[in-house]
Amino acid sequence: MADLRVTPAGANLATVAPVRFPELRPATEEFGATLGRAVSDVNSLQLKAQEAAVQLAAGQAGDTAETLATIEKASISFQFALQIRNKLLEAYQDVMRMPL
């Protein structure tokens, strides 16, 4: 029969690495600038996807899987941006409905 020893609950705590949280830094960029950069990034991905789709349709695309990944990445980023816009609009409408 195997040796079944019960160890105290805190016996193995010395082997657990402490959790390190990232440093909190003050925001260096304003909300409008961050939002503008995000919209610019989405636009850039959309333009790359359009170019990849045109190359695929013309038979000039080298790797079909890479082309489809580029198009899907642009689609996901657009859907994400649309959801952010919807949440911002909903928050704005909630604030406007608040009584004075």
PDB file of N, CA and C in Angstrom:
ATOM      1  N   MET A   1       0.836  -1.170   0.000  1.00  0.00           N
ATOM      2  CA  MET A   1       0.000   0.000   0.000  1.00  0.00           C
ATOM      3  C   MET A   1       0.889   1.244   0.000  1.00  0.00           C
ATOM      4  N   ALA A   2       0.486   2.275  -0.729  1.00  0.00           N
ATOM      5  CA  ALA A   2       1.269   3.498  -0.847  1.00  0.00           C
ATOM      6  C   ALA A   2       1.225   4.296   0.449  1.00  0.00           C
ATOM      7  N   ASP A   3       2.286   5.060   0.656  1.00  0.00           N
ATOM      8  CA  ASP A   3       2.390   5.902   1.838  1.00  0.00           C
ATOM      9  C   ASP A   3       1.547   7.153   1.628  1.00  0.00           C
ATOM     10  N   LEU A   4       0.491   7.317   2.374  1.00  0.00           N
ATOM     11  CA  LEU A   4      -0.412   8.464   2.237  1.00  0.00           C
ATOM     12  C   LEU A   4      -0.165   9.426   3.382  1.00  0.00           C
ATOM     13  N   ARG A   5       0.563  10.471   3.103  1.00  0.00           N
ATOM     14  CA  ARG A   5       0.842  11.482   4.119  1.00  0.00           C
ATOM     15  C   ARG A   5       0.049  12.745   3.794  1.00  0.00           C
ATOM     16  N   VAL A   6      -0.463  13.346   4.793  1.00  0.00           N
ATOM     17  CA  VAL A   6      -1.215  14.584   4.642  1.00  0.00           C
ATOM     18  C   VAL A   6      -0.296  15.723   5.041  1.00  0.00           C
ATOM     19  N   THR A   7      -0.133  16.688   4.132  1.00  0.00           N
ATOM     20  CA  THR A   7       0.701  17.847   4.436  1.00  0.00           C
ATOM     21  C   THR A   7      -0.195  19.041   4.732  1.00  0.00           C
ATOM     22  N   PRO A   8       0.279  19.928   5.588  1.00  0.00           N
ATOM     23  CA  PRO A   8      -0.526  21.118   5.884  1.00  0.00           C
ATOM     24  C   PRO A   8      -0.781  21.961   4.633  1.00  0.00           C
ATOM     25  N   ALA A   9      -1.866  22.705   4.622  1.00  0.00           N
ATOM     26  CA  ALA A   9      -2.262  23.482   3.451  1.00  0.00           C
ATOM     27  C   ALA A   9      -1.221  24.510   3.050  1.00  0.00           C
ATOM     28  N   GLY A  10      -0.518  25.109   3.975  1.00  0.00           N
ATOM     29  CA  GLY A  10       0.446  26.153   3.657  1.00  0.00           C
ATOM     30  C   GLY A  10       1.856  25.643   3.428  1.00  0.00           C
ATOM     31  N   ALA A  11       2.051  24.352   3.390  1.00  0.00           N
ATOM     32  CA  ALA A  11       3.395  23.799   3.281  1.00  0.00           C
ATOM     33  C   ALA A  11       4.057  24.099   1.939  1.00  0.00           C
ATOM     34  N   ASN A  12       3.300  24.189   0.871  1.00  0.00           N
ATOM     35  CA  ASN A  12       3.866  24.390  -0.458  1.00  0.00           C
ATOM     36  C   ASN A  12       3.829  25.843  -0.913  1.00  0.00           C
ATOM     37  N   LEU A  13       3.495  26.766  -0.053  1.00  0.00           N
ATOM     38  CA  LEU A  13       3.393  28.164  -0.447  1.00  0.00           C
ATOM     39  C   LEU A  13       4.738  28.770  -0.820  1.00  0.00           C
ATOM     40  N   ALA A  14       5.822  28.239  -0.289  1.00  0.00           N
ATOM     41  CA  ALA A  14       7.141  28.791  -0.588  1.00  0.00           C
ATOM     42  C   ALA A  14       7.517  28.561  -2.043  1.00  0.00           C
ATOM     43  N   THR A  15       6.928  27.565  -2.691  1.00  0.00           N
ATOM     44  CA  THR A  15       7.280  27.259  -4.077  1.00  0.00           C
ATOM     45  C   THR A  15       6.453  28.055  -5.079  1.00  0.00           C
ATOM     46  N   VAL A  16       5.418  28.738  -4.632  1.00  0.00           N
ATOM     47  CA  VAL A  16       4.556  29.511  -5.526  1.00  0.00           C
ATOM     48  C   VAL A  16       5.178  30.891  -5.739  1.00  0.00           C
ATOM     49  N   ALA A  17       5.357  31.269  -6.990  1.00  0.00           N
ATOM     50  CA  ALA A  17       5.935  32.576  -7.310  1.00  0.00           C
ATOM     51  C   ALA A  17       4.933  33.678  -6.988  1.00  0.00           C
ATOM     52  N   PRO A  18       5.394  34.784  -6.455  1.00  0.00           N
ATOM     53  CA  PRO A  18       4.464  35.882  -6.161  1.00  0.00           C
ATOM     54  C   PRO A  18       3.905  36.472  -7.447  1.00  0.00           C
ATOM     55  N   VAL A  19       2.691  36.951  -7.363  1.00  0.00           N
ATOM     56  CA  VAL A  19       2.031  37.562  -8.515  1.00  0.00           C
ATOM     57  C   VAL A  19       2.543  38.982  -8.661  1.00  0.00           C
ATOM     58  N   ARG A  20       2.939  39.341  -9.881  1.00  0.00           N
ATOM     59  CA  ARG A  20       3.427  40.697 -10.141  1.00  0.00           C
ATOM     60  C   ARG A  20       2.429  41.382 -11.076  1.00  0.00           C
ATOM     61  N   PHE A  21       1.949  42.511 -10.631  1.00  0.00           N
ATOM     62  CA  PHE A  21       1.000  43.274 -11.430  1.00  0.00           C
ATOM     63  C   PHE A  21       1.753  44.337 -12.220  1.00  0.00           C
ATOM     64  N   PRO A  22       1.292  44.626 -13.430  1.00  0.00           N
ATOM     65  CA  PRO A  22       1.970  45.667 -14.207  1.00  0.00           C
ATOM     66  C   PRO A  22       1.817  47.030 -13.530  1.00  0.00           C
ATOM     67  N   GLU A  23       2.801  47.857 -13.759  1.00  0.00           N
ATOM     68  CA  GLU A  23       2.744  49.201 -13.181  1.00  0.00           C
ATOM     69  C   GLU A  23       1.638  50.004 -13.845  1.00  0.00           C
ATOM     70  N   LEU A  24       0.940  50.761 -13.048  1.00  0.00           N
ATOM     71  CA  LEU A  24      -0.082  51.649 -13.586  1.00  0.00           C
ATOM     72  C   LEU A  24       0.590  52.963 -13.956  1.00  0.00           C
ATOM     73  N   ARG A  25       0.480  53.318 -15.205  1.00  0.00           N
ATOM     74  CA  ARG A  25       1.080  54.559 -15.672  1.00  0.00           C
ATOM     75  C   ARG A  25      -0.019  55.522 -16.070  1.00  0.00           C
ATOM     76  N   PRO A  26       0.225  56.795 -15.917  1.00  0.00           N
ATOM     77  CA  PRO A  26      -0.796  57.761 -16.334  1.00  0.00           C
ATOM     78  C   PRO A  26      -0.975  57.723 -17.853  1.00  0.00           C
ATOM     79  N   ALA A  27      -2.180  57.994 -18.281  1.00  0.00           N
ATOM     80  CA  ALA A  27      -2.475  57.994 -19.711  1.00  0.00           C
ATOM     81  C   ALA A  27      -1.684  59.102 -20.385  1.00  0.00           C
ATOM     82  N   THR A  28      -1.018  58.756 -21.472  1.00  0.00           N
ATOM     83  CA  THR A  28      -0.227  59.752 -22.189  1.00  0.00           C
ATOM     84  C   THR A  28      -0.956  60.237 -23.440  1.00  0.00           C
ATOM     85  N   GLU A  29      -2.067  59.606 -23.747  1.00  0.00           N
ATOM     86  CA  GLU A  29      -2.783  59.945 -24.967  1.00  0.00           C
ATOM     87  C   GLU A  29      -4.237  60.240 -24.604  1.00  0.00           C
ATOM     88  N   GLU A  30      -4.800  61.261 -25.190  1.00  0.00           N
ATOM     89  CA  GLU A  30      -6.185  61.602 -24.924  1.00  0.00           C
ATOM     90  C   GLU A  30      -7.110  60.602 -25.594  1.00  0.00           C
ATOM     91  N   PHE A  31      -8.346  60.541 -25.101  1.00  0.00           N
ATOM     92  CA  PHE A  31      -9.319  59.587 -25.616  1.00  0.00           C
ATOM     93  C   PHE A  31      -9.568  59.792 -27.107  1.00  0.00           C
ATOM     94  N   GLY A  32      -9.709  61.030 -27.526  1.00  0.00           N
ATOM     95  CA  GLY A  32      -9.966  61.315 -28.940  1.00  0.00           C
ATOM     96  C   GLY A  32      -8.838  60.852 -29.834  1.00  0.00           C
ATOM     97  N   ALA A  33      -7.607  61.038 -29.386  1.00  0.00           N
ATOM     98  CA  ALA A  33      -6.455  60.598 -30.176  1.00  0.00           C
ATOM     99  C   ALA A  33      -6.397  59.078 -30.253  1.00  0.00           C
ATOM    100  N   THR A  34      -6.710  58.427 -29.143  1.00  0.00           N
ATOM    101  CA  THR A  34      -6.729  56.963 -29.127  1.00  0.00           C
ATOM    102  C   THR A  34      -7.807  56.433 -30.058  1.00  0.00           C
ATOM    103  N   LEU A  35      -8.974  57.038 -29.997  1.00  0.00           N
ATOM    104  CA  LEU A  35     -10.076  56.625 -30.858  1.00  0.00           C
ATOM    105  C   LEU A  35      -9.737  56.868 -32.327  1.00  0.00           C
ATOM    106  N   GLY A  36      -9.137  58.009 -32.622  1.00  0.00           N
ATOM    107  CA  GLY A  36      -8.738  58.307 -33.997  1.00  0.00           C
ATOM    108  C   GLY A  36      -7.706  57.332 -34.524  1.00  0.00           C
ATOM    109  N   ARG A  37      -6.751  56.947 -33.673  1.00  0.00           N
ATOM    110  CA  ARG A  37      -5.733  55.976 -34.086  1.00  0.00           C
ATOM    111  C   ARG A  37      -6.365  54.609 -34.341  1.00  0.00           C
ATOM    112  N   ALA A  38      -7.335  54.225 -33.492  1.00  0.00           N
ATOM    113  CA  ALA A  38      -8.008  52.941 -33.678  1.00  0.00           C
ATOM    114  C   ALA A  38      -8.794  52.912 -34.982  1.00  0.00           C
ATOM    115  N   VAL A  39      -9.483  54.003 -35.289  1.00  0.00           N
ATOM    116  CA  VAL A  39     -10.235  54.076 -36.549  1.00  0.00           C
ATOM    117  C   VAL A  39      -9.285  54.036 -37.737  1.00  0.00           C
ATOM    118  N   SER A  40      -8.157  54.693 -37.615  1.00  0.00           N
ATOM    119  CA  SER A  40      -7.151  54.669 -38.679  1.00  0.00           C
ATOM    120  C   SER A  40      -6.607  53.254 -38.892  1.00  0.00           C
ATOM    121  N   ASP A  41      -6.390  52.524 -37.797  1.00  0.00           N
ATOM    122  CA  ASP A  41      -5.909  51.149 -37.911  1.00  0.00           C
ATOM    123  C   ASP A  41      -6.935  50.256 -38.591  1.00  0.00           C
ATOM    124  N   VAL A  42      -8.213  50.425 -38.246  1.00  0.00           N
ATOM    125  CA  VAL A  42      -9.275  49.643 -38.883  1.00  0.00           C
ATOM    126  C   VAL A  42      -9.337  49.969 -40.368  1.00  0.00           C
ATOM    127  N   ASN A  43      -9.217  51.250 -40.701  1.00  0.00           N
ATOM    128  CA  ASN A  43      -9.237  51.651 -42.101  1.00  0.00           C
ATOM    129  C   ASN A  43      -8.069  51.039 -42.860  1.00  0.00           C
ATOM    130  N   SER A  44      -6.903  51.033 -42.256  1.00  0.00           N
ATOM    131  CA  SER A  44      -5.720  50.446 -42.887  1.00  0.00           C
ATOM    132  C   SER A  44      -5.932  48.958 -43.154  1.00  0.00           C
ATOM    133  N   LEU A  45      -6.507  48.250 -42.183  1.00  0.00           N
ATOM    134  CA  LEU A  45      -6.779  46.822 -42.376  1.00  0.00           C
ATOM    135  C   LEU A  45      -7.808  46.599 -43.477  1.00  0.00           C
ATOM    136  N   GLN A  46      -8.802  47.483 -43.557  1.00  0.00           N
ATOM    137  CA  GLN A  46      -9.807  47.362 -44.617  1.00  0.00           C
ATOM    138  C   GLN A  46      -9.187  47.564 -46.000  1.00  0.00           C
ATOM    139  N   LEU A  47      -8.276  48.534 -46.106  1.00  0.00           N
ATOM    140  CA  LEU A  47      -7.616  48.776 -47.392  1.00  0.00           C
ATOM    141  C   LEU A  47      -6.719  47.605 -47.793  1.00  0.00           C
ATOM    142  N   LYS A  48      -6.018  47.021 -46.826  1.00  0.00           N
ATOM    143  CA  LYS A  48      -5.186  45.848 -47.111  1.00  0.00           C
ATOM    144  C   LYS A  48      -6.045  44.671 -47.553  1.00  0.00           C
ATOM    145  N   ALA A  49      -7.189  44.498 -46.911  1.00  0.00           N
ATOM    146  CA  ALA A  49      -8.096  43.411 -47.268  1.00  0.00           C
ATOM    147  C   ALA A  49      -8.654  43.614 -48.670  1.00  0.00           C
ATOM    148  N   GLN A  50      -8.984  44.858 -49.002  1.00  0.00           N
ATOM    149  CA  GLN A  50      -9.502  45.140 -50.336  1.00  0.00           C
ATOM    150  C   GLN A  50      -8.446  44.835 -51.390  1.00  0.00           C
ATOM    151  N   GLU A  51      -7.212  45.246 -51.132  1.00  0.00           N
ATOM    152  CA  GLU A  51      -6.124  44.990 -52.065  1.00  0.00           C
ATOM    153  C   GLU A  51      -5.874  43.484 -52.206  1.00  0.00           C
ATOM    154  N   ALA A  52      -5.932  42.757 -51.096  1.00  0.00           N
ATOM    155  CA  ALA A  52      -5.730  41.310 -51.137  1.00  0.00           C
ATOM    156  C   ALA A  52      -6.849  40.627 -51.917  1.00  0.00           C
ATOM    157  N   ALA A  53      -8.093  41.108 -51.751  1.00  0.00           N
ATOM    158  CA  ALA A  53      -9.222  40.524 -52.476  1.00  0.00           C
ATOM    159  C   ALA A  53      -9.110  40.780 -53.971  1.00  0.00           C
ATOM    160  N   VAL A  54      -8.658  41.976 -54.342  1.00  0.00           N
ATOM    161  CA  VAL A  54      -8.482  42.287 -55.765  1.00  0.00           C
ATOM    162  C   VAL A  54      -7.393  41.401 -56.362  1.00  0.00           C
ATOM    163  N   GLN A  55      -6.296  41.216 -55.637  1.00  0.00           N
ATOM    164  CA  GLN A  55      -5.216  40.347 -56.122  1.00  0.00           C
ATOM    165  C   GLN A  55      -5.682  38.903 -56.231  1.00  0.00           C
ATOM    166  N   LEU A  56      -6.503  38.452 -55.291  1.00  0.00           N
ATOM    167  CA  LEU A  56      -7.031  37.095 -55.349  1.00  0.00           C
ATOM    168  C   LEU A  56      -7.940  36.927 -56.553  1.00  0.00           C
ATOM    169  N   ALA A  57      -8.794  37.907 -56.808  1.00  0.00           N
ATOM    170  CA  ALA A  57      -9.709  37.829 -57.951  1.00  0.00           C
ATOM    171  C   ALA A  57      -8.960  37.875 -59.272  1.00  0.00           C
ATOM    172  N   ALA A  58      -7.819  38.567 -59.295  1.00  0.00           N
ATOM    173  CA  ALA A  58      -7.033  38.665 -60.525  1.00  0.00           C
ATOM    174  C   ALA A  58      -6.098  37.473 -60.705  1.00  0.00           C
ATOM    175  N   GLY A  59      -6.063  36.593 -59.701  1.00  0.00           N
ATOM    176  CA  GLY A  59      -5.182  35.434 -59.790  1.00  0.00           C
ATOM    177  C   GLY A  59      -3.738  35.747 -59.452  1.00  0.00           C
ATOM    178  N   GLN A  60      -3.482  36.866 -58.821  1.00  0.00           N
ATOM    179  CA  GLN A  60      -2.124  37.275 -58.490  1.00  0.00           C
ATOM    180  C   GLN A  60      -1.748  36.974 -57.046  1.00  0.00           C
ATOM    181  N   ALA A  61      -2.688  36.471 -56.253  1.00  0.00           N
ATOM    182  CA  ALA A  61      -2.409  36.204 -54.841  1.00  0.00           C
ATOM    183  C   ALA A  61      -1.498  34.996 -54.720  1.00  0.00           C
ATOM    184  N   GLY A  62      -0.446  35.141 -53.934  1.00  0.00           N
ATOM    185  CA  GLY A  62       0.486  34.039 -53.751  1.00  0.00           C
ATOM    186  C   GLY A  62      -0.075  32.948 -52.863  1.00  0.00           C
ATOM    187  N   ASP A  63      -0.533  33.310 -51.681  1.00  0.00           N
ATOM    188  CA  ASP A  63      -1.032  32.351 -50.705  1.00  0.00           C
ATOM    189  C   ASP A  63      -2.491  32.666 -50.409  1.00  0.00           C
ATOM    190  N   THR A  64      -3.381  31.765 -50.818  1.00  0.00           N
ATOM    191  CA  THR A  64      -4.812  31.983 -50.632  1.00  0.00           C
ATOM    192  C   THR A  64      -5.178  32.044 -49.151  1.00  0.00           C
ATOM    193  N   ALA A  65      -4.553  31.193 -48.341  1.00  0.00           N
ATOM    194  CA  ALA A  65      -4.869  31.175 -46.910  1.00  0.00           C
ATOM    195  C   ALA A  65      -4.485  32.500 -46.253  1.00  0.00           C
ATOM    196  N   GLU A  66      -3.344  33.050 -46.641  1.00  0.00           N
ATOM    197  CA  GLU A  66      -2.917  34.331 -46.092  1.00  0.00           C
ATOM    198  C   GLU A  66      -3.861  35.450 -46.521  1.00  0.00           C
ATOM    199  N   THR A  67      -4.307  35.387 -47.756  1.00  0.00           N
ATOM    200  CA  THR A  67      -5.253  36.380 -48.259  1.00  0.00           C
ATOM    201  C   THR A  67      -6.558  36.321 -47.487  1.00  0.00           C
ATOM    202  N   LEU A  68      -7.065  35.109 -47.274  1.00  0.00           N
ATOM    203  CA  LEU A  68      -8.315  34.959 -46.528  1.00  0.00           C
ATOM    204  C   LEU A  68      -8.139  35.378 -45.072  1.00  0.00           C
ATOM    205  N   ALA A  69      -6.970  35.122 -44.504  1.00  0.00           N
ATOM    206  CA  ALA A  69      -6.701  35.562 -43.124  1.00  0.00           C
ATOM    207  C   ALA A  69      -6.693  37.087 -43.033  1.00  0.00           C
ATOM    208  N   THR A  70      -6.121  37.749 -44.039  1.00  0.00           N
ATOM    209  CA  THR A  70      -6.096  39.211 -44.073  1.00  0.00           C
ATOM    210  C   THR A  70      -7.512  39.773 -44.149  1.00  0.00           C
ATOM    211  N   ILE A  71      -8.331  39.175 -44.991  1.00  0.00           N
ATOM    212  CA  ILE A  71      -9.719  39.624 -45.139  1.00  0.00           C
ATOM    213  C   ILE A  71     -10.495  39.392 -43.851  1.00  0.00           C
ATOM    214  N   GLU A  72     -10.302  38.237 -43.222  1.00  0.00           N
ATOM    215  CA  GLU A  72     -11.008  37.937 -41.972  1.00  0.00           C
ATOM    216  C   GLU A  72     -10.555  38.851 -40.836  1.00  0.00           C
ATOM    217  N   LYS A  73      -9.268  39.164 -40.796  1.00  0.00           N
ATOM    218  CA  LYS A  73      -8.751  40.070 -39.772  1.00  0.00           C
ATOM    219  C   LYS A  73      -9.394  41.448 -39.913  1.00  0.00           C
ATOM    220  N   ALA A  74      -9.529  41.912 -41.134  1.00  0.00           N
ATOM    221  CA  ALA A  74     -10.174  43.204 -41.381  1.00  0.00           C
ATOM    222  C   ALA A  74     -11.645  43.161 -40.977  1.00  0.00           C
ATOM    223  N   SER A  75     -12.300  42.054 -41.262  1.00  0.00           N
ATOM    224  CA  SER A  75     -13.708  41.908 -40.912  1.00  0.00           C
ATOM    225  C   SER A  75     -13.903  41.917 -39.400  1.00  0.00           C
ATOM    226  N   ILE A  76     -13.048  41.191 -38.694  1.00  0.00           N
ATOM    227  CA  ILE A  76     -13.159  41.137 -37.233  1.00  0.00           C
ATOM    228  C   ILE A  76     -12.871  42.502 -36.624  1.00  0.00           C
ATOM    229  N   SER A  77     -11.862  43.198 -37.132  1.00  0.00           N
ATOM    230  CA  SER A  77     -11.550  44.520 -36.584  1.00  0.00           C
ATOM    231  C   SER A  77     -12.696  45.494 -36.837  1.00  0.00           C
ATOM    232  N   PHE A  78     -13.351  45.390 -37.980  1.00  0.00           N
ATOM    233  CA  PHE A  78     -14.487  46.260 -38.272  1.00  0.00           C
ATOM    234  C   PHE A  78     -15.657  45.950 -37.332  1.00  0.00           C
ATOM    235  N   GLN A  79     -15.939  44.666 -37.123  1.00  0.00           N
ATOM    236  CA  GLN A  79     -17.020  44.287 -36.216  1.00  0.00           C
ATOM    237  C   GLN A  79     -16.738  44.767 -34.789  1.00  0.00           C
ATOM    238  N   PHE A  80     -15.473  44.678 -34.372  1.00  0.00           N
ATOM    239  CA  PHE A  80     -15.080  45.145 -33.049  1.00  0.00           C
ATOM    240  C   PHE A  80     -15.288  46.658 -32.934  1.00  0.00           C
ATOM    241  N   ALA A  81     -14.865  47.399 -33.951  1.00  0.00           N
ATOM    242  CA  ALA A  81     -15.041  48.851 -33.948  1.00  0.00           C
ATOM    243  C   ALA A  81     -16.524  49.216 -33.938  1.00  0.00           C
ATOM    244  N   LEU A  82     -17.326  48.458 -34.648  1.00  0.00           N
ATOM    245  CA  LEU A  82     -18.769  48.710 -34.679  1.00  0.00           C
ATOM    246  C   LEU A  82     -19.387  48.480 -33.307  1.00  0.00           C
ATOM    247  N   GLN A  83     -18.957  47.444 -32.608  1.00  0.00           N
ATOM    248  CA  GLN A  83     -19.478  47.183 -31.266  1.00  0.00           C
ATOM    249  C   GLN A  83     -19.062  48.277 -30.287  1.00  0.00           C
ATOM    250  N   ILE A  84     -17.827  48.767 -30.428  1.00  0.00           N
ATOM    251  CA  ILE A  84     -17.382  49.873 -29.572  1.00  0.00           C
ATOM    252  C   ILE A  84     -18.231  51.113 -29.831  1.00  0.00           C
ATOM    253  N   ARG A  85     -18.492  51.392 -31.103  1.00  0.00           N
ATOM    254  CA  ARG A  85     -19.340  52.542 -31.444  1.00  0.00           C
ATOM    255  C   ARG A  85     -20.726  52.380 -30.839  1.00  0.00           C
ATOM    256  N   ASN A  86     -21.285  51.177 -30.926  1.00  0.00           N
ATOM    257  CA  ASN A  86     -22.617  50.942 -30.365  1.00  0.00           C
ATOM    258  C   ASN A  86     -22.630  51.165 -28.856  1.00  0.00           C
ATOM    259  N   LYS A  87     -21.587  50.700 -28.167  1.00  0.00           N
ATOM    260  CA  LYS A  87     -21.524  50.883 -26.715  1.00  0.00           C
ATOM    261  C   LYS A  87     -21.354  52.361 -26.349  1.00  0.00           C
ATOM    262  N   LEU A  88     -20.525  53.080 -27.105  1.00  0.00           N
ATOM    263  CA  LEU A  88     -20.352  54.508 -26.841  1.00  0.00           C
ATOM    264  C   LEU A  88     -21.650  55.271 -27.077  1.00  0.00           C
ATOM    265  N   LEU A  89     -22.348  54.939 -28.144  1.00  0.00           N
ATOM    266  CA  LEU A  89     -23.621  55.593 -28.444  1.00  0.00           C
ATOM    267  C   LEU A  89     -24.658  55.287 -27.370  1.00  0.00           C
ATOM    268  N   GLU A  90     -24.683  54.046 -26.914  1.00  0.00           N
ATOM    269  CA  GLU A  90     -25.613  53.660 -25.853  1.00  0.00           C
ATOM    270  C   GLU A  90     -25.299  54.407 -24.554  1.00  0.00           C
ATOM    271  N   ALA A  91     -24.012  54.543 -24.227  1.00  0.00           N
ATOM    272  CA  ALA A  91     -23.625  55.279 -23.015  1.00  0.00           C
ATOM    273  C   ALA A  91     -24.005  56.750 -23.137  1.00  0.00           C
ATOM    274  N   TYR A  92     -23.793  57.334 -24.310  1.00  0.00           N
ATOM    275  CA  TYR A  92     -24.167  58.730 -24.541  1.00  0.00           C
ATOM    276  C   TYR A  92     -25.676  58.916 -24.369  1.00  0.00           C
ATOM    277  N   GLN A  93     -26.457  58.001 -24.933  1.00  0.00           N
ATOM    278  CA  GLN A  93     -27.911  58.100 -24.814  1.00  0.00           C
ATOM    279  C   GLN A  93     -28.362  57.943 -23.374  1.00  0.00           C
ATOM    280  N   ASP A  94     -27.684  57.067 -22.614  1.00  0.00           N
ATOM    281  CA  ASP A  94     -28.015  56.910 -21.190  1.00  0.00           C
ATOM    282  C   ASP A  94     -27.738  58.207 -20.426  1.00  0.00           C
ATOM    283  N   VAL A  95     -26.632  58.856 -20.717  1.00  0.00           N
ATOM    284  CA  VAL A  95     -26.304  60.114 -20.049  1.00  0.00           C
ATOM    285  C   VAL A  95     -27.323  61.189 -20.412  1.00  0.00           C
ATOM    286  N   MET A  96     -27.716  61.226 -21.674  1.00  0.00           N
ATOM    287  CA  MET A  96     -28.681  62.250 -22.105  1.00  0.00           C
ATOM    288  C   MET A  96     -30.068  62.031 -21.489  1.00  0.00           C
ATOM    289  N   ARG A  97     -30.400  60.805 -21.141  1.00  0.00           N
ATOM    290  CA  ARG A  97     -31.704  60.512 -20.545  1.00  0.00           C
ATOM    291  C   ARG A  97     -31.727  60.768 -19.044  1.00  0.00           C
ATOM    292  N   MET A  98     -30.582  61.030 -18.450  1.00  0.00           N
ATOM    293  CA  MET A  98     -30.529  61.268 -16.999  1.00  0.00           C
ATOM    294  C   MET A  98     -31.245  62.574 -16.662  1.00  0.00           C
ATOM    295  N   PRO A  99     -32.023  62.553 -15.569  1.00  0.00           N
ATOM    296  CA  PRO A  99     -32.693  63.809 -15.181  1.00  0.00           C
ATOM    297  C   PRO A  99     -31.683  64.781 -14.607  1.00  0.00           C
ATOM    298  N   LEU A 100     -31.990  66.067 -14.774  1.00  0.00           N
ATOM    299  CA  LEU A 100     -31.111  67.109 -14.265  1.00  0.00           C
ATOM    300  C   LEU A 100     -31.291  67.308 -12.832  1.00  0.00           C
TER     301      LEU A 100
END
